[in-house]
Amino acid sequence: DVYNPKSRRHNMIDGAHFGTSFPHMLFQVYPSLKPAPSDQRYVPRIFGFKLHNVAELHRWQDEQREQQKQRLTADKK
């Protein structure tokens, strides 16, 4: 979806042609394309199903993180 060549000859090139370093070089050349960091925790899934049953731990960690953020912002005021 990102790369659509104008030449029909290059239309058959897939992502393996560029290798694993391509995304890193792309973001070094075009840093404005780099996505912003997310506050949401990554949940690994396969076909929509969670891999590990650690949701309770993640919720506790998220609550602790939010409490810490609130404490830090309260200290700045």
PDB file of N, CA and C in Angstrom:
ATOM      1  N   ASP A   1       0.809  -1.194   0.000  1.00  0.00           N
ATOM      2  CA  ASP A   1       0.000   0.000   0.000  1.00  0.00           C
ATOM      3  C   ASP A   1       0.852   1.258   0.000  1.00  0.00           C
ATOM      4  N   VAL A   2       2.046   1.194   0.576  1.00  0.00           N
ATOM      5  CA  VAL A   2       2.887   2.378   0.670  1.00  0.00           C
ATOM      6  C   VAL A   2       3.633   2.616  -0.635  1.00  0.00           C
ATOM      7  N   TYR A   3       4.108   1.558  -1.256  1.00  0.00           N
ATOM      8  CA  TYR A   3       4.938   1.684  -2.458  1.00  0.00           C
ATOM      9  C   TYR A   3       4.149   1.218  -3.663  1.00  0.00           C
ATOM     10  N   ASN A   4       3.859   2.123  -4.579  1.00  0.00           N
ATOM     11  CA  ASN A   4       3.156   1.796  -5.812  1.00  0.00           C
ATOM     12  C   ASN A   4       3.958   2.361  -6.976  1.00  0.00           C
ATOM     13  N   PRO A   5       4.812   1.537  -7.611  1.00  0.00           N
ATOM     14  CA  PRO A   5       5.687   2.051  -8.674  1.00  0.00           C
ATOM     15  C   PRO A   5       4.907   2.415  -9.930  1.00  0.00           C
ATOM     16  N   LYS A   6       5.454   3.353 -10.672  1.00  0.00           N
ATOM     17  CA  LYS A   6       4.833   3.777 -11.924  1.00  0.00           C
ATOM     18  C   LYS A   6       5.139   2.799 -13.052  1.00  0.00           C
ATOM     19  N   SER A   7       6.287   2.152 -12.978  1.00  0.00           N
ATOM     20  CA  SER A   7       6.707   1.227 -14.018  1.00  0.00           C
ATOM     21  C   SER A   7       6.099  -0.157 -13.785  1.00  0.00           C
ATOM     22  N   ARG A   8       5.573  -0.777 -14.837  1.00  0.00           N
ATOM     23  CA  ARG A   8       5.010  -2.122 -14.709  1.00  0.00           C
ATOM     24  C   ARG A   8       6.115  -3.130 -14.402  1.00  0.00           C
ATOM     25  N   ARG A   9       7.329  -2.835 -14.821  1.00  0.00           N
ATOM     26  CA  ARG A   9       8.455  -3.736 -14.581  1.00  0.00           C
ATOM     27  C   ARG A   9       8.742  -3.865 -13.083  1.00  0.00           C
ATOM     28  N   HIS A  10       8.573  -2.782 -12.335  1.00  0.00           N
ATOM     29  CA  HIS A  10       8.844  -2.790 -10.895  1.00  0.00           C
ATOM     30  C   HIS A  10       7.622  -3.176 -10.069  1.00  0.00           C
ATOM     31  N   ASN A  11       6.512  -3.405 -10.704  1.00  0.00           N
ATOM     32  CA  ASN A  11       5.278  -3.697  -9.987  1.00  0.00           C
ATOM     33  C   ASN A  11       5.323  -5.043  -9.266  1.00  0.00           C
ATOM     34  N   MET A  12       6.172  -5.967  -9.691  1.00  0.00           N
ATOM     35  CA  MET A  12       6.239  -7.295  -9.092  1.00  0.00           C
ATOM     36  C   MET A  12       7.221  -7.380  -7.922  1.00  0.00           C
ATOM     37  N   ILE A  13       7.894  -6.293  -7.584  1.00  0.00           N
ATOM     38  CA  ILE A  13       8.846  -6.297  -6.471  1.00  0.00           C
ATOM     39  C   ILE A  13       8.060  -6.282  -5.169  1.00  0.00           C
ATOM     40  N   ASP A  14       8.367  -7.211  -4.282  1.00  0.00           N
ATOM     41  CA  ASP A  14       7.678  -7.220  -2.996  1.00  0.00           C
ATOM     42  C   ASP A  14       8.586  -6.647  -1.906  1.00  0.00           C
ATOM     43  N   GLY A  15       8.114  -6.621  -0.679  1.00  0.00           N
ATOM     44  CA  GLY A  15       8.852  -6.028   0.426  1.00  0.00           C
ATOM     45  C   GLY A  15      10.147  -6.747   0.754  1.00  0.00           C
ATOM     46  N   ALA A  16      10.250  -8.028   0.396  1.00  0.00           N
ATOM     47  CA  ALA A  16      11.473  -8.787   0.671  1.00  0.00           C
ATOM     48  C   ALA A  16      12.645  -8.242  -0.144  1.00  0.00           C
ATOM     49  N   HIS A  17      12.366  -7.563  -1.223  1.00  0.00           N
ATOM     50  CA  HIS A  17      13.422  -6.992  -2.061  1.00  0.00           C
ATOM     51  C   HIS A  17      14.214  -5.935  -1.286  1.00  0.00           C
ATOM     52  N   PHE A  18      13.541  -5.190  -0.434  1.00  0.00           N
ATOM     53  CA  PHE A  18      14.189  -4.101   0.291  1.00  0.00           C
ATOM     54  C   PHE A  18      14.944  -4.574   1.526  1.00  0.00           C
ATOM     55  N   GLY A  19      14.589  -5.713   2.069  1.00  0.00           N
ATOM     56  CA  GLY A  19      15.254  -6.236   3.249  1.00  0.00           C
ATOM     57  C   GLY A  19      14.668  -5.683   4.530  1.00  0.00           C
ATOM     58  N   THR A  20      15.228  -6.128   5.648  1.00  0.00           N
ATOM     59  CA  THR A  20      14.688  -5.746   6.951  1.00  0.00           C
ATOM     60  C   THR A  20      15.116  -4.355   7.398  1.00  0.00           C
ATOM     61  N   SER A  21      16.095  -3.757   6.740  1.00  0.00           N
ATOM     62  CA  SER A  21      16.562  -2.435   7.151  1.00  0.00           C
ATOM     63  C   SER A  21      15.777  -1.298   6.491  1.00  0.00           C
ATOM     64  N   PHE A  22      14.912  -1.617   5.540  1.00  0.00           N
ATOM     65  CA  PHE A  22      14.195  -0.573   4.813  1.00  0.00           C
ATOM     66  C   PHE A  22      13.372   0.341   5.709  1.00  0.00           C
ATOM     67  N   PRO A  23      12.552  -0.184   6.651  1.00  0.00           N
ATOM     68  CA  PRO A  23      11.751   0.740   7.472  1.00  0.00           C
ATOM     69  C   PRO A  23      12.622   1.690   8.288  1.00  0.00           C
ATOM     70  N   HIS A  24      13.765   1.210   8.763  1.00  0.00           N
ATOM     71  CA  HIS A  24      14.644   2.046   9.564  1.00  0.00           C
ATOM     72  C   HIS A  24      15.242   3.178   8.729  1.00  0.00           C
ATOM     73  N   MET A  25      15.659   2.857   7.525  1.00  0.00           N
ATOM     74  CA  MET A  25      16.200   3.897   6.646  1.00  0.00           C
ATOM     75  C   MET A  25      15.109   4.869   6.208  1.00  0.00           C
ATOM     76  N   LEU A  26      13.904   4.361   5.969  1.00  0.00           N
ATOM     77  CA  LEU A  26      12.791   5.218   5.563  1.00  0.00           C
ATOM     78  C   LEU A  26      12.506   6.275   6.630  1.00  0.00           C
ATOM     79  N   PHE A  27      12.462   5.843   7.898  1.00  0.00           N
ATOM     80  CA  PHE A  27      12.164   6.792   8.973  1.00  0.00           C
ATOM     81  C   PHE A  27      13.333   7.723   9.269  1.00  0.00           C
ATOM     82  N   GLN A  28      14.548   7.331   8.929  1.00  0.00           N
ATOM     83  CA  GLN A  28      15.674   8.242   9.076  1.00  0.00           C
ATOM     84  C   GLN A  28      15.617   9.333   8.014  1.00  0.00           C
ATOM     85  N   VAL A  29      15.183   8.975   6.817  1.00  0.00           N
ATOM     86  CA  VAL A  29      15.093   9.948   5.728  1.00  0.00           C
ATOM     87  C   VAL A  29      13.852  10.823   5.888  1.00  0.00           C
ATOM     88  N   TYR A  30      12.739  10.225   6.302  1.00  0.00           N
ATOM     89  CA  TYR A  30      11.475  10.945   6.469  1.00  0.00           C
ATOM     90  C   TYR A  30      10.979  10.815   7.913  1.00  0.00           C
ATOM     91  N   PRO A  31      11.587  11.521   8.868  1.00  0.00           N
ATOM     92  CA  PRO A  31      11.181  11.370  10.270  1.00  0.00           C
ATOM     93  C   PRO A  31       9.749  11.830  10.530  1.00  0.00           C
ATOM     94  N   SER A  32       9.188  12.639   9.647  1.00  0.00           N
ATOM     95  CA  SER A  32       7.808  13.089   9.854  1.00  0.00           C
ATOM     96  C   SER A  32       6.805  11.956   9.676  1.00  0.00           C
ATOM     97  N   LEU A  33       7.205  10.871   9.027  1.00  0.00           N
ATOM     98  CA  LEU A  33       6.307   9.730   8.825  1.00  0.00           C
ATOM     99  C   LEU A  33       6.254   8.793  10.027  1.00  0.00           C
ATOM    100  N   LYS A  34       7.199   8.963  10.954  1.00  0.00           N
ATOM    101  CA  LYS A  34       7.261   8.073  12.111  1.00  0.00           C
ATOM    102  C   LYS A  34       6.019   8.268  12.978  1.00  0.00           C
ATOM    103  N   PRO A  35       5.302   7.200  13.329  1.00  0.00           N
ATOM    104  CA  PRO A  35       4.090   7.353  14.131  1.00  0.00           C
ATOM    105  C   PRO A  35       4.414   7.791  15.559  1.00  0.00           C
ATOM    106  N   ALA A  36       3.475   8.508  16.158  1.00  0.00           N
ATOM    107  CA  ALA A  36       3.650   8.964  17.538  1.00  0.00           C
ATOM    108  C   ALA A  36       3.530   7.782  18.489  1.00  0.00           C
ATOM    109  N   PRO A  37       4.251   7.816  19.617  1.00  0.00           N
ATOM    110  CA  PRO A  37       4.133   6.731  20.589  1.00  0.00           C
ATOM    111  C   PRO A  37       2.704   6.644  21.128  1.00  0.00           C
ATOM    112  N   SER A  38       2.277   5.452  21.398  1.00  0.00           N
ATOM    113  CA  SER A  38       0.917   5.219  21.871  1.00  0.00           C
ATOM    114  C   SER A  38       0.911   5.019  23.386  1.00  0.00           C
ATOM    115  N   ASP A  39      -0.158   5.479  24.030  1.00  0.00           N
ATOM    116  CA  ASP A  39      -0.318   5.254  25.464  1.00  0.00           C
ATOM    117  C   ASP A  39      -0.967   3.907  25.746  1.00  0.00           C
ATOM    118  N   GLN A  40      -1.501   3.281  24.722  1.00  0.00           N
ATOM    119  CA  GLN A  40      -2.188   2.006  24.909  1.00  0.00           C
ATOM    120  C   GLN A  40      -1.180   0.870  24.940  1.00  0.00           C
ATOM    121  N   ARG A  41      -1.438  -0.093  25.795  1.00  0.00           N
ATOM    122  CA  ARG A  41      -0.569  -1.259  25.918  1.00  0.00           C
ATOM    123  C   ARG A  41      -0.828  -2.206  24.751  1.00  0.00           C
ATOM    124  N   TYR A  42       0.241  -2.744  24.200  1.00  0.00           N
ATOM    125  CA  TYR A  42       0.133  -3.707  23.112  1.00  0.00           C
ATOM    126  C   TYR A  42      -0.377  -5.028  23.668  1.00  0.00           C
ATOM    127  N   VAL A  43      -1.382  -5.586  23.027  1.00  0.00           N
ATOM    128  CA  VAL A  43      -1.929  -6.883  23.419  1.00  0.00           C
ATOM    129  C   VAL A  43      -1.670  -7.856  22.278  1.00  0.00           C
ATOM    130  N   PRO A  44      -0.742  -8.803  22.480  1.00  0.00           N
ATOM    131  CA  PRO A  44      -0.448  -9.748  21.408  1.00  0.00           C
ATOM    132  C   PRO A  44      -1.654 -10.650  21.139  1.00  0.00           C
ATOM    133  N   ARG A  45      -2.000 -10.812  19.863  1.00  0.00           N
ATOM    134  CA  ARG A  45      -3.146 -11.632  19.479  1.00  0.00           C
ATOM    135  C   ARG A  45      -2.812 -12.420  18.224  1.00  0.00           C
ATOM    136  N   ILE A  46      -3.432 -13.588  18.130  1.00  0.00           N
ATOM    137  CA  ILE A  46      -3.389 -14.385  16.907  1.00  0.00           C
ATOM    138  C   ILE A  46      -4.833 -14.687  16.547  1.00  0.00           C
ATOM    139  N   PHE A  47      -5.227 -14.261  15.375  1.00  0.00           N
ATOM    140  CA  PHE A  47      -6.607 -14.418  14.907  1.00  0.00           C
ATOM    141  C   PHE A  47      -7.594 -13.816  15.901  1.00  0.00           C
ATOM    142  N   GLY A  48      -7.205 -12.729  16.574  1.00  0.00           N
ATOM    143  CA  GLY A  48      -8.099 -12.033  17.490  1.00  0.00           C
ATOM    144  C   GLY A  48      -8.099 -12.565  18.908  1.00  0.00           C
ATOM    145  N   PHE A  49      -7.376 -13.636  19.189  1.00  0.00           N
ATOM    146  CA  PHE A  49      -7.354 -14.213  20.526  1.00  0.00           C
ATOM    147  C   PHE A  49      -6.077 -13.807  21.245  1.00  0.00           C
ATOM    148  N   LYS A  50      -6.206 -13.443  22.528  1.00  0.00           N
ATOM    149  CA  LYS A  50      -5.041 -13.079  23.326  1.00  0.00           C
ATOM    150  C   LYS A  50      -4.131 -14.289  23.505  1.00  0.00           C
ATOM    151  N   LEU A  51      -2.828 -14.036  23.531  1.00  0.00           N
ATOM    152  CA  LEU A  51      -1.868 -15.132  23.690  1.00  0.00           C
ATOM    153  C   LEU A  51      -1.664 -15.525  25.142  1.00  0.00           C
ATOM    154  N   HIS A  52      -1.632 -14.549  26.026  1.00  0.00           N
ATOM    155  CA  HIS A  52      -1.331 -14.820  27.422  1.00  0.00           C
ATOM    156  C   HIS A  52      -2.451 -14.286  28.312  1.00  0.00           C
ATOM    157  N   ASN A  53      -2.656 -14.938  29.416  1.00  0.00           N
ATOM    158  CA  ASN A  53      -3.689 -14.530  30.345  1.00  0.00           C
ATOM    159  C   ASN A  53      -3.077 -13.645  31.432  1.00  0.00           C
ATOM    160  N   VAL A  54      -2.599 -12.456  31.030  1.00  0.00           N
ATOM    161  CA  VAL A  54      -1.990 -11.537  31.987  1.00  0.00           C
ATOM    162  C   VAL A  54      -2.752 -10.208  32.013  1.00  0.00           C
ATOM    163  N   ALA A  55      -4.003 -10.237  31.589  1.00  0.00           N
ATOM    164  CA  ALA A  55      -4.788  -9.007  31.499  1.00  0.00           C
ATOM    165  C   ALA A  55      -4.939  -8.345  32.867  1.00  0.00           C
ATOM    166  N   GLU A  56      -5.113  -9.133  33.905  1.00  0.00           N
ATOM    167  CA  GLU A  56      -5.264  -8.559  35.247  1.00  0.00           C
ATOM    168  C   GLU A  56      -3.997  -7.823  35.664  1.00  0.00           C
ATOM    169  N   LEU A  57      -2.846  -8.398  35.401  1.00  0.00           N
ATOM    170  CA  LEU A  57      -1.582  -7.744  35.712  1.00  0.00           C
ATOM    171  C   LEU A  57      -1.432  -6.455  34.913  1.00  0.00           C
ATOM    172  N   HIS A  58      -1.797  -6.481  33.639  1.00  0.00           N
ATOM    173  CA  HIS A  58      -1.697  -5.285  32.811  1.00  0.00           C
ATOM    174  C   HIS A  58      -2.612  -4.181  33.320  1.00  0.00           C
ATOM    175  N   ARG A  59      -3.834  -4.546  33.724  1.00  0.00           N
ATOM    176  CA  ARG A  59      -4.740  -3.533  34.269  1.00  0.00           C
ATOM    177  C   ARG A  59      -4.152  -2.913  35.535  1.00  0.00           C
ATOM    178  N   TRP A  60      -3.555  -3.740  36.409  1.00  0.00           N
ATOM    179  CA  TRP A  60      -2.960  -3.230  37.635  1.00  0.00           C
ATOM    180  C   TRP A  60      -1.794  -2.299  37.297  1.00  0.00           C
ATOM    181  N   GLN A  61      -0.951  -2.705  36.333  1.00  0.00           N
ATOM    182  CA  GLN A  61       0.174  -1.865  35.935  1.00  0.00           C
ATOM    183  C   GLN A  61      -0.313  -0.546  35.337  1.00  0.00           C
ATOM    184  N   ASP A  62      -1.369  -0.601  34.530  1.00  0.00           N
ATOM    185  CA  ASP A  62      -1.922   0.619  33.948  1.00  0.00           C
ATOM    186  C   ASP A  62      -2.462   1.549  35.040  1.00  0.00           C
ATOM    187  N   GLU A  63      -3.142   0.983  36.040  1.00  0.00           N
ATOM    188  CA  GLU A  63      -3.645   1.790  37.156  1.00  0.00           C
ATOM    189  C   GLU A  63      -2.488   2.434  37.914  1.00  0.00           C
ATOM    190  N   GLN A  64      -1.433   1.674  38.158  1.00  0.00           N
ATOM    191  CA  GLN A  64      -0.271   2.210  38.860  1.00  0.00           C
ATOM    192  C   GLN A  64       0.377   3.330  38.058  1.00  0.00           C
ATOM    193  N   ARG A  65       0.459   3.149  36.748  1.00  0.00           N
ATOM    194  CA  ARG A  65       1.041   4.167  35.883  1.00  0.00           C
ATOM    195  C   ARG A  65       0.201   5.446  35.914  1.00  0.00           C
ATOM    196  N   GLU A  66      -1.123   5.303  35.860  1.00  0.00           N
ATOM    197  CA  GLU A  66      -2.002   6.472  35.908  1.00  0.00           C
ATOM    198  C   GLU A  66      -1.885   7.189  37.248  1.00  0.00           C
ATOM    199  N   GLN A  67      -1.812   6.428  38.334  1.00  0.00           N
ATOM    200  CA  GLN A  67      -1.648   7.040  39.646  1.00  0.00           C
ATOM    201  C   GLN A  67      -0.325   7.789  39.732  1.00  0.00           C
ATOM    202  N   GLN A  68       0.730   7.219  39.176  1.00  0.00           N
ATOM    203  CA  GLN A  68       2.032   7.873  39.183  1.00  0.00           C
ATOM    204  C   GLN A  68       1.992   9.161  38.373  1.00  0.00           C
ATOM    205  N   LYS A  69       1.328   9.130  37.212  1.00  0.00           N
ATOM    206  CA  LYS A  69       1.188  10.340  36.399  1.00  0.00           C
ATOM    207  C   LYS A  69       0.435  11.421  37.163  1.00  0.00           C
ATOM    208  N   GLN A  70      -0.633  11.032  37.854  1.00  0.00           N
ATOM    209  CA  GLN A  70      -1.406  12.006  38.640  1.00  0.00           C
ATOM    210  C   GLN A  70      -0.562  12.602  39.752  1.00  0.00           C
ATOM    211  N   ARG A  71       0.234  11.759  40.418  1.00  0.00           N
ATOM    212  CA  ARG A  71       1.114  12.262  41.485  1.00  0.00           C
ATOM    213  C   ARG A  71       2.146  13.232  40.922  1.00  0.00           C
ATOM    214  N   LEU A  72       2.709  12.908  39.781  1.00  0.00           N
ATOM    215  CA  LEU A  72       3.723  13.773  39.179  1.00  0.00           C
ATOM    216  C   LEU A  72       3.128  15.112  38.737  1.00  0.00           C
ATOM    217  N   THR A  73       1.935  15.076  38.152  1.00  0.00           N
ATOM    218  CA  THR A  73       1.315  16.339  37.732  1.00  0.00           C
ATOM    219  C   THR A  73       0.859  17.144  38.924  1.00  0.00           C
ATOM    220  N   ALA A  74       0.465  16.493  40.015  1.00  0.00           N
ATOM    221  CA  ALA A  74       0.068  17.215  41.231  1.00  0.00           C
ATOM    222  C   ALA A  74       1.276  17.893  41.872  1.00  0.00           C
ATOM    223  N   ASP A  75       2.446  17.248  41.793  1.00  0.00           N
ATOM    224  CA  ASP A  75       3.668  17.827  42.366  1.00  0.00           C
ATOM    225  C   ASP A  75       4.133  19.043  41.580  1.00  0.00           C
ATOM    226  N   LYS A  76       3.852  19.101  40.278  1.00  0.00           N
ATOM    227  CA  LYS A  76       4.274  20.229  39.455  1.00  0.00           C
ATOM    228  C   LYS A  76       3.449  21.465  39.706  1.00  0.00           C
ATOM    229  N   LYS A  77       2.226  21.279  40.198  1.00  0.00           N
ATOM    230  CA  LYS A  77       1.331  22.434  40.409  1.00  0.00           C
ATOM    231  C   LYS A  77       1.684  23.223  41.631  1.00  0.00           C
TER     232      LYS A  77
END
